[in-house]
N, C-alpha and C. Protein backbone atom coordinates (compact mmCIF):
# COMPACT_ATOMS: atom_id res chain seq x y z
N MET A 1 95.92 51.00 71.96
CA MET A 1 96.80 51.07 73.11
C MET A 1 96.26 50.30 74.30
N ASN A 2 95.00 50.42 74.46
CA ASN A 2 94.34 49.67 75.55
C ASN A 2 94.46 48.14 75.37
N GLN A 3 94.35 47.70 74.10
CA GLN A 3 94.43 46.25 73.83
C GLN A 3 95.83 45.75 74.10
N PHE A 4 96.79 46.62 73.88
CA PHE A 4 98.18 46.26 74.15
C PHE A 4 98.38 45.95 75.61
N PHE A 5 97.83 46.78 76.49
CA PHE A 5 97.97 46.50 77.94
C PHE A 5 97.12 45.31 78.35
N VAL A 6 96.01 45.10 77.70
CA VAL A 6 95.19 43.89 78.01
C VAL A 6 95.97 42.63 77.70
N LYS A 7 96.68 42.59 76.58
CA LYS A 7 97.46 41.43 76.21
C LYS A 7 98.70 41.21 77.10
N ILE A 8 99.32 42.30 77.53
CA ILE A 8 100.53 42.24 78.33
C ILE A 8 100.28 42.08 79.77
N TRP A 9 99.14 42.51 80.29
CA TRP A 9 98.88 42.50 81.71
C TRP A 9 99.08 41.11 82.37
N PRO A 10 98.66 40.04 81.80
CA PRO A 10 98.96 38.72 82.47
C PRO A 10 100.47 38.42 82.62
N TRP A 11 101.26 38.86 81.69
CA TRP A 11 102.70 38.65 81.76
C TRP A 11 103.26 39.55 82.89
N LEU A 12 102.81 40.77 82.96
CA LEU A 12 103.31 41.69 83.99
C LEU A 12 102.95 41.28 85.40
N ARG A 13 101.83 40.54 85.54
CA ARG A 13 101.42 40.04 86.84
C ARG A 13 102.27 38.89 87.33
N ASN A 14 102.95 38.28 86.44
CA ASN A 14 103.80 37.14 86.82
C ASN A 14 105.09 37.70 87.56
N LYS A 15 105.27 37.27 88.79
CA LYS A 15 106.35 37.82 89.62
C LYS A 15 107.70 37.46 89.04
N TYR A 16 107.86 36.35 88.35
CA TYR A 16 109.17 36.00 87.82
C TYR A 16 109.53 36.90 86.62
N VAL A 17 108.60 37.13 85.75
CA VAL A 17 108.83 38.02 84.61
C VAL A 17 109.15 39.42 85.11
N LEU A 18 108.38 39.86 86.09
CA LEU A 18 108.59 41.17 86.64
C LEU A 18 109.98 41.32 87.27
N THR A 19 110.35 40.28 88.02
CA THR A 19 111.64 40.27 88.66
C THR A 19 112.78 40.27 87.63
N ILE A 20 112.68 39.49 86.61
CA ILE A 20 113.72 39.45 85.60
C ILE A 20 113.77 40.77 84.85
N ALA A 21 112.63 41.39 84.54
CA ALA A 21 112.61 42.71 83.86
C ALA A 21 113.28 43.75 84.72
N VAL A 22 112.90 43.84 86.00
CA VAL A 22 113.57 44.83 86.88
C VAL A 22 115.03 44.60 87.00
N PHE A 23 115.46 43.33 87.18
CA PHE A 23 116.85 42.99 87.28
C PHE A 23 117.62 43.39 86.01
N SER A 24 117.00 43.11 84.83
CA SER A 24 117.64 43.44 83.56
C SER A 24 117.83 44.93 83.42
N ILE A 25 116.79 45.68 83.75
CA ILE A 25 116.86 47.17 83.64
C ILE A 25 117.91 47.66 84.59
N TRP A 26 117.92 47.13 85.82
CA TRP A 26 118.95 47.59 86.80
C TRP A 26 120.35 47.30 86.31
N MET A 27 120.58 46.15 85.73
CA MET A 27 121.95 45.77 85.29
C MET A 27 122.35 46.57 84.05
N LEU A 28 121.38 46.87 83.19
CA LEU A 28 121.69 47.60 81.97
C LEU A 28 122.04 49.09 82.22
N PHE A 29 121.30 49.71 83.17
CA PHE A 29 121.44 51.19 83.26
C PHE A 29 121.95 51.66 84.64
N PHE A 30 121.56 51.08 85.74
CA PHE A 30 121.79 51.69 87.07
C PHE A 30 122.91 51.08 87.85
N ASP A 31 123.39 49.90 87.51
CA ASP A 31 124.39 49.24 88.28
C ASP A 31 125.76 49.95 88.11
N GLN A 32 126.67 49.76 89.04
CA GLN A 32 128.00 50.38 88.98
C GLN A 32 128.74 49.87 87.73
N ASN A 33 128.50 48.64 87.36
CA ASN A 33 129.18 48.06 86.17
C ASN A 33 128.15 47.79 85.08
N ASN A 34 127.40 48.83 84.73
CA ASN A 34 126.31 48.63 83.76
C ASN A 34 126.83 48.43 82.33
N ALA A 35 125.97 47.96 81.52
CA ALA A 35 126.34 47.53 80.19
C ALA A 35 126.78 48.74 79.33
N VAL A 36 126.20 49.81 79.46
CA VAL A 36 126.60 51.03 78.71
C VAL A 36 128.03 51.39 78.97
N ASP A 37 128.39 51.48 80.26
CA ASP A 37 129.74 51.80 80.64
C ASP A 37 130.72 50.75 80.18
N ARG A 38 130.32 49.48 80.24
CA ARG A 38 131.20 48.42 79.78
C ARG A 38 131.52 48.52 78.29
N ILE A 39 130.54 48.89 77.51
CA ILE A 39 130.75 49.06 76.07
C ILE A 39 131.71 50.22 75.81
N LYS A 40 131.52 51.33 76.52
CA LYS A 40 132.41 52.49 76.34
C LYS A 40 133.83 52.11 76.78
N MET A 41 133.97 51.43 77.87
CA MET A 41 135.30 51.04 78.38
C MET A 41 135.95 50.07 77.41
N SER A 42 135.18 49.18 76.82
CA SER A 42 135.77 48.23 75.92
C SER A 42 136.30 48.90 74.63
N SER A 43 135.53 49.91 74.14
CA SER A 43 136.05 50.65 72.98
C SER A 43 137.25 51.46 73.33
N GLU A 44 137.29 52.00 74.51
CA GLU A 44 138.44 52.79 74.97
C GLU A 44 139.68 51.91 75.12
N ILE A 45 139.48 50.71 75.66
CA ILE A 45 140.60 49.82 75.81
C ILE A 45 141.14 49.40 74.40
N ASN A 46 140.27 49.15 73.43
CA ASN A 46 140.70 48.80 72.11
C ASN A 46 141.51 49.97 71.48
N GLN A 47 141.07 51.19 71.68
CA GLN A 47 141.77 52.33 71.16
C GLN A 47 143.12 52.50 71.81
N LEU A 48 143.21 52.28 73.09
CA LEU A 48 144.49 52.38 73.83
C LEU A 48 145.46 51.29 73.42
N GLU A 49 144.97 50.10 73.13
CA GLU A 49 145.82 49.02 72.65
C GLU A 49 146.40 49.37 71.27
N GLU A 50 145.52 49.94 70.39
CA GLU A 50 146.02 50.34 69.06
C GLU A 50 147.09 51.45 69.22
N ASP A 51 146.89 52.37 70.15
CA ASP A 51 147.87 53.46 70.40
C ASP A 51 149.15 52.83 70.92
N ARG A 52 149.04 51.89 71.79
CA ARG A 52 150.22 51.22 72.35
C ARG A 52 151.04 50.51 71.25
N GLU A 53 150.40 49.81 70.34
CA GLU A 53 151.07 49.18 69.24
C GLU A 53 151.77 50.23 68.32
N TYR A 54 151.08 51.33 68.08
CA TYR A 54 151.67 52.39 67.24
C TYR A 54 152.96 52.92 67.93
N TYR A 55 152.84 53.22 69.22
CA TYR A 55 154.01 53.78 69.89
C TYR A 55 155.15 52.77 70.05
N LEU A 56 154.84 51.51 70.17
CA LEU A 56 155.94 50.48 70.23
C LEU A 56 156.63 50.44 68.89
N GLU A 57 155.88 50.52 67.83
CA GLU A 57 156.52 50.54 66.46
C GLU A 57 157.38 51.84 66.33
N GLN A 58 156.91 52.93 66.77
CA GLN A 58 157.63 54.18 66.68
C GLN A 58 158.94 54.09 67.52
N ILE A 59 158.85 53.49 68.71
CA ILE A 59 160.05 53.32 69.54
C ILE A 59 161.07 52.51 68.83
N GLN A 60 160.63 51.42 68.17
CA GLN A 60 161.57 50.56 67.47
C GLN A 60 162.24 51.31 66.29
N LYS A 61 161.41 52.09 65.56
CA LYS A 61 161.98 52.85 64.42
C LYS A 61 162.97 53.92 64.95
N ASP A 62 162.60 54.59 66.00
CA ASP A 62 163.45 55.61 66.55
C ASP A 62 164.73 55.08 67.14
N SER A 63 164.63 53.90 67.77
CA SER A 63 165.80 53.25 68.32
C SER A 63 166.80 52.83 67.20
N ALA A 64 166.21 52.35 66.15
CA ALA A 64 167.10 51.93 64.99
C ALA A 64 167.72 53.19 64.40
N ARG A 65 166.97 54.24 64.28
CA ARG A 65 167.48 55.47 63.70
C ARG A 65 168.57 56.08 64.61
N LEU A 66 168.35 56.03 65.90
CA LEU A 66 169.30 56.55 66.88
C LEU A 66 170.62 55.78 66.82
N SER A 67 170.52 54.43 66.74
CA SER A 67 171.75 53.66 66.70
C SER A 67 172.50 53.91 65.36
N GLU A 68 171.75 54.14 64.31
CA GLU A 68 172.31 54.47 63.05
C GLU A 68 173.05 55.79 63.08
N LEU A 69 172.43 56.79 63.74
CA LEU A 69 173.06 58.13 63.85
C LEU A 69 174.26 58.12 64.78
N THR A 70 174.23 57.36 65.79
CA THR A 70 175.36 57.33 66.75
C THR A 70 176.55 56.56 66.24
N THR A 71 176.33 55.67 65.30
CA THR A 71 177.44 54.85 64.81
C THR A 71 178.06 55.39 63.51
N ASN A 72 177.36 56.21 62.77
CA ASN A 72 177.86 56.68 61.51
C ASN A 72 177.79 58.20 61.46
N LYS A 73 178.99 58.85 61.36
CA LYS A 73 179.06 60.29 61.33
C LYS A 73 178.41 60.89 60.04
N GLU A 74 178.52 60.21 58.94
CA GLU A 74 177.96 60.65 57.72
C GLU A 74 176.41 60.76 57.78
N ASN A 75 175.82 59.74 58.36
CA ASN A 75 174.38 59.76 58.58
C ASN A 75 173.94 60.86 59.53
N LEU A 76 174.75 61.10 60.56
CA LEU A 76 174.47 62.16 61.47
C LEU A 76 174.49 63.53 60.79
N GLU A 77 175.53 63.74 59.95
CA GLU A 77 175.60 65.02 59.24
C GLU A 77 174.43 65.15 58.26
N LYS A 78 174.09 64.08 57.58
CA LYS A 78 172.94 64.13 56.62
C LYS A 78 171.65 64.44 57.37
N TYR A 79 171.46 63.82 58.50
CA TYR A 79 170.24 64.07 59.28
C TYR A 79 170.15 65.51 59.79
N ALA A 80 171.27 66.03 60.27
CA ALA A 80 171.31 67.41 60.74
C ALA A 80 171.01 68.37 59.59
N ARG A 81 171.55 68.10 58.44
CA ARG A 81 171.32 69.02 57.27
C ARG A 81 169.85 68.95 56.85
N GLU A 82 169.27 67.78 56.81
CA GLU A 82 167.89 67.61 56.31
C GLU A 82 166.86 68.11 57.32
N GLN A 83 167.02 67.77 58.57
CA GLN A 83 166.01 68.06 59.54
C GLN A 83 166.14 69.45 60.16
N PHE A 84 167.36 69.91 60.36
CA PHE A 84 167.56 71.15 61.02
C PHE A 84 168.14 72.24 60.16
N LEU A 85 168.31 71.95 58.89
CA LEU A 85 168.89 72.87 57.90
C LEU A 85 170.23 73.44 58.30
N MET A 86 171.04 72.59 58.94
CA MET A 86 172.36 73.04 59.39
C MET A 86 173.26 73.06 58.16
N LYS A 87 174.28 73.93 58.24
CA LYS A 87 175.20 74.05 57.15
C LYS A 87 176.58 74.44 57.64
N LYS A 88 177.54 74.27 56.76
CA LYS A 88 178.90 74.72 57.09
C LYS A 88 178.97 76.23 56.83
N PRO A 89 179.94 76.88 57.46
CA PRO A 89 180.01 78.38 57.31
C PRO A 89 180.06 78.91 55.88
N ASN A 90 180.66 78.17 55.00
CA ASN A 90 180.85 78.69 53.62
C ASN A 90 179.88 78.06 52.64
N GLU A 91 178.70 77.59 53.08
CA GLU A 91 177.75 76.91 52.22
C GLU A 91 176.45 77.67 52.14
N ASP A 92 175.71 77.50 51.09
CA ASP A 92 174.33 77.90 51.02
C ASP A 92 173.44 76.68 50.90
N VAL A 93 172.32 76.74 51.54
CA VAL A 93 171.37 75.57 51.56
C VAL A 93 170.14 75.93 50.74
N PHE A 94 169.79 75.08 49.80
CA PHE A 94 168.59 75.21 49.01
C PHE A 94 167.65 74.11 49.35
N VAL A 95 166.40 74.42 49.65
CA VAL A 95 165.39 73.38 49.96
C VAL A 95 164.59 73.18 48.70
N VAL A 96 164.52 71.98 48.22
CA VAL A 96 163.81 71.62 47.02
C VAL A 96 162.54 70.88 47.42
N ILE A 97 161.39 71.44 47.02
CA ILE A 97 160.13 70.78 47.33
C ILE A 97 159.58 70.20 45.99
N GLU A 98 159.26 68.94 46.06
CA GLU A 98 158.75 68.30 44.83
C GLU A 98 157.35 68.71 44.58
N GLU A 99 156.92 68.57 43.27
CA GLU A 99 155.54 68.97 42.86
C GLU A 99 154.48 68.18 43.64
N LYS A 100 154.70 66.92 43.88
CA LYS A 100 153.73 66.12 44.61
C LYS A 100 153.52 66.68 46.00
N ASP A 101 154.57 67.09 46.68
CA ASP A 101 154.45 67.66 48.03
C ASP A 101 153.67 68.95 47.98
N LYS A 102 153.85 69.79 46.99
CA LYS A 102 153.14 71.05 46.89
C LYS A 102 151.61 70.80 46.77
N LYS A 103 151.23 69.77 45.88
CA LYS A 103 149.89 69.47 45.69
C LYS A 103 149.24 68.95 46.98
N ASP A 104 149.98 68.15 47.73
CA ASP A 104 149.51 67.62 48.99
C ASP A 104 149.24 68.73 50.00
N LYS A 105 150.15 69.69 50.05
CA LYS A 105 150.02 70.80 50.97
C LYS A 105 148.81 71.64 50.63
N LYS A 106 148.62 71.89 49.32
CA LYS A 106 147.46 72.67 48.88
C LYS A 106 146.15 71.98 49.18
N ALA A 107 146.13 70.65 49.02
CA ALA A 107 144.93 69.90 49.32
C ALA A 107 144.60 69.93 50.82
N LYS A 108 145.64 69.89 51.62
CA LYS A 108 145.44 69.93 53.10
C LYS A 108 144.87 71.24 53.50
N LYS A 109 145.43 72.38 52.87
CA LYS A 109 144.93 73.69 53.21
C LYS A 109 143.49 73.91 52.74
N ALA A 110 143.12 73.29 51.62
CA ALA A 110 141.76 73.45 51.13
C ALA A 110 140.74 72.81 52.03
N LYS A 111 141.12 71.74 52.71
CA LYS A 111 140.22 71.04 53.63
C LYS A 111 139.93 71.89 54.78
């Protein structure tokens, strides 16, 4: 350990090396715009951009679905029956769940 300091001491006595080292440490950890915060902010920005793309796609899908439902009464009735289990007064509604869906639900519950 002592030999380590003996080898490094001439470098540490150099005012330029010392100034650069102090400046680097200051910029990496203590500055208002330090490197650690910049990395975190960069990853957060990337995540928010991905979320934005996802929501823009969802808006397009929902807008297309809405225009389809408002222009066609048959599609509106089909959507109401499937999503909200609506029925006419003299009807019975049966919900059929496929085997694949049952397996997926069981796998999700097991996790």
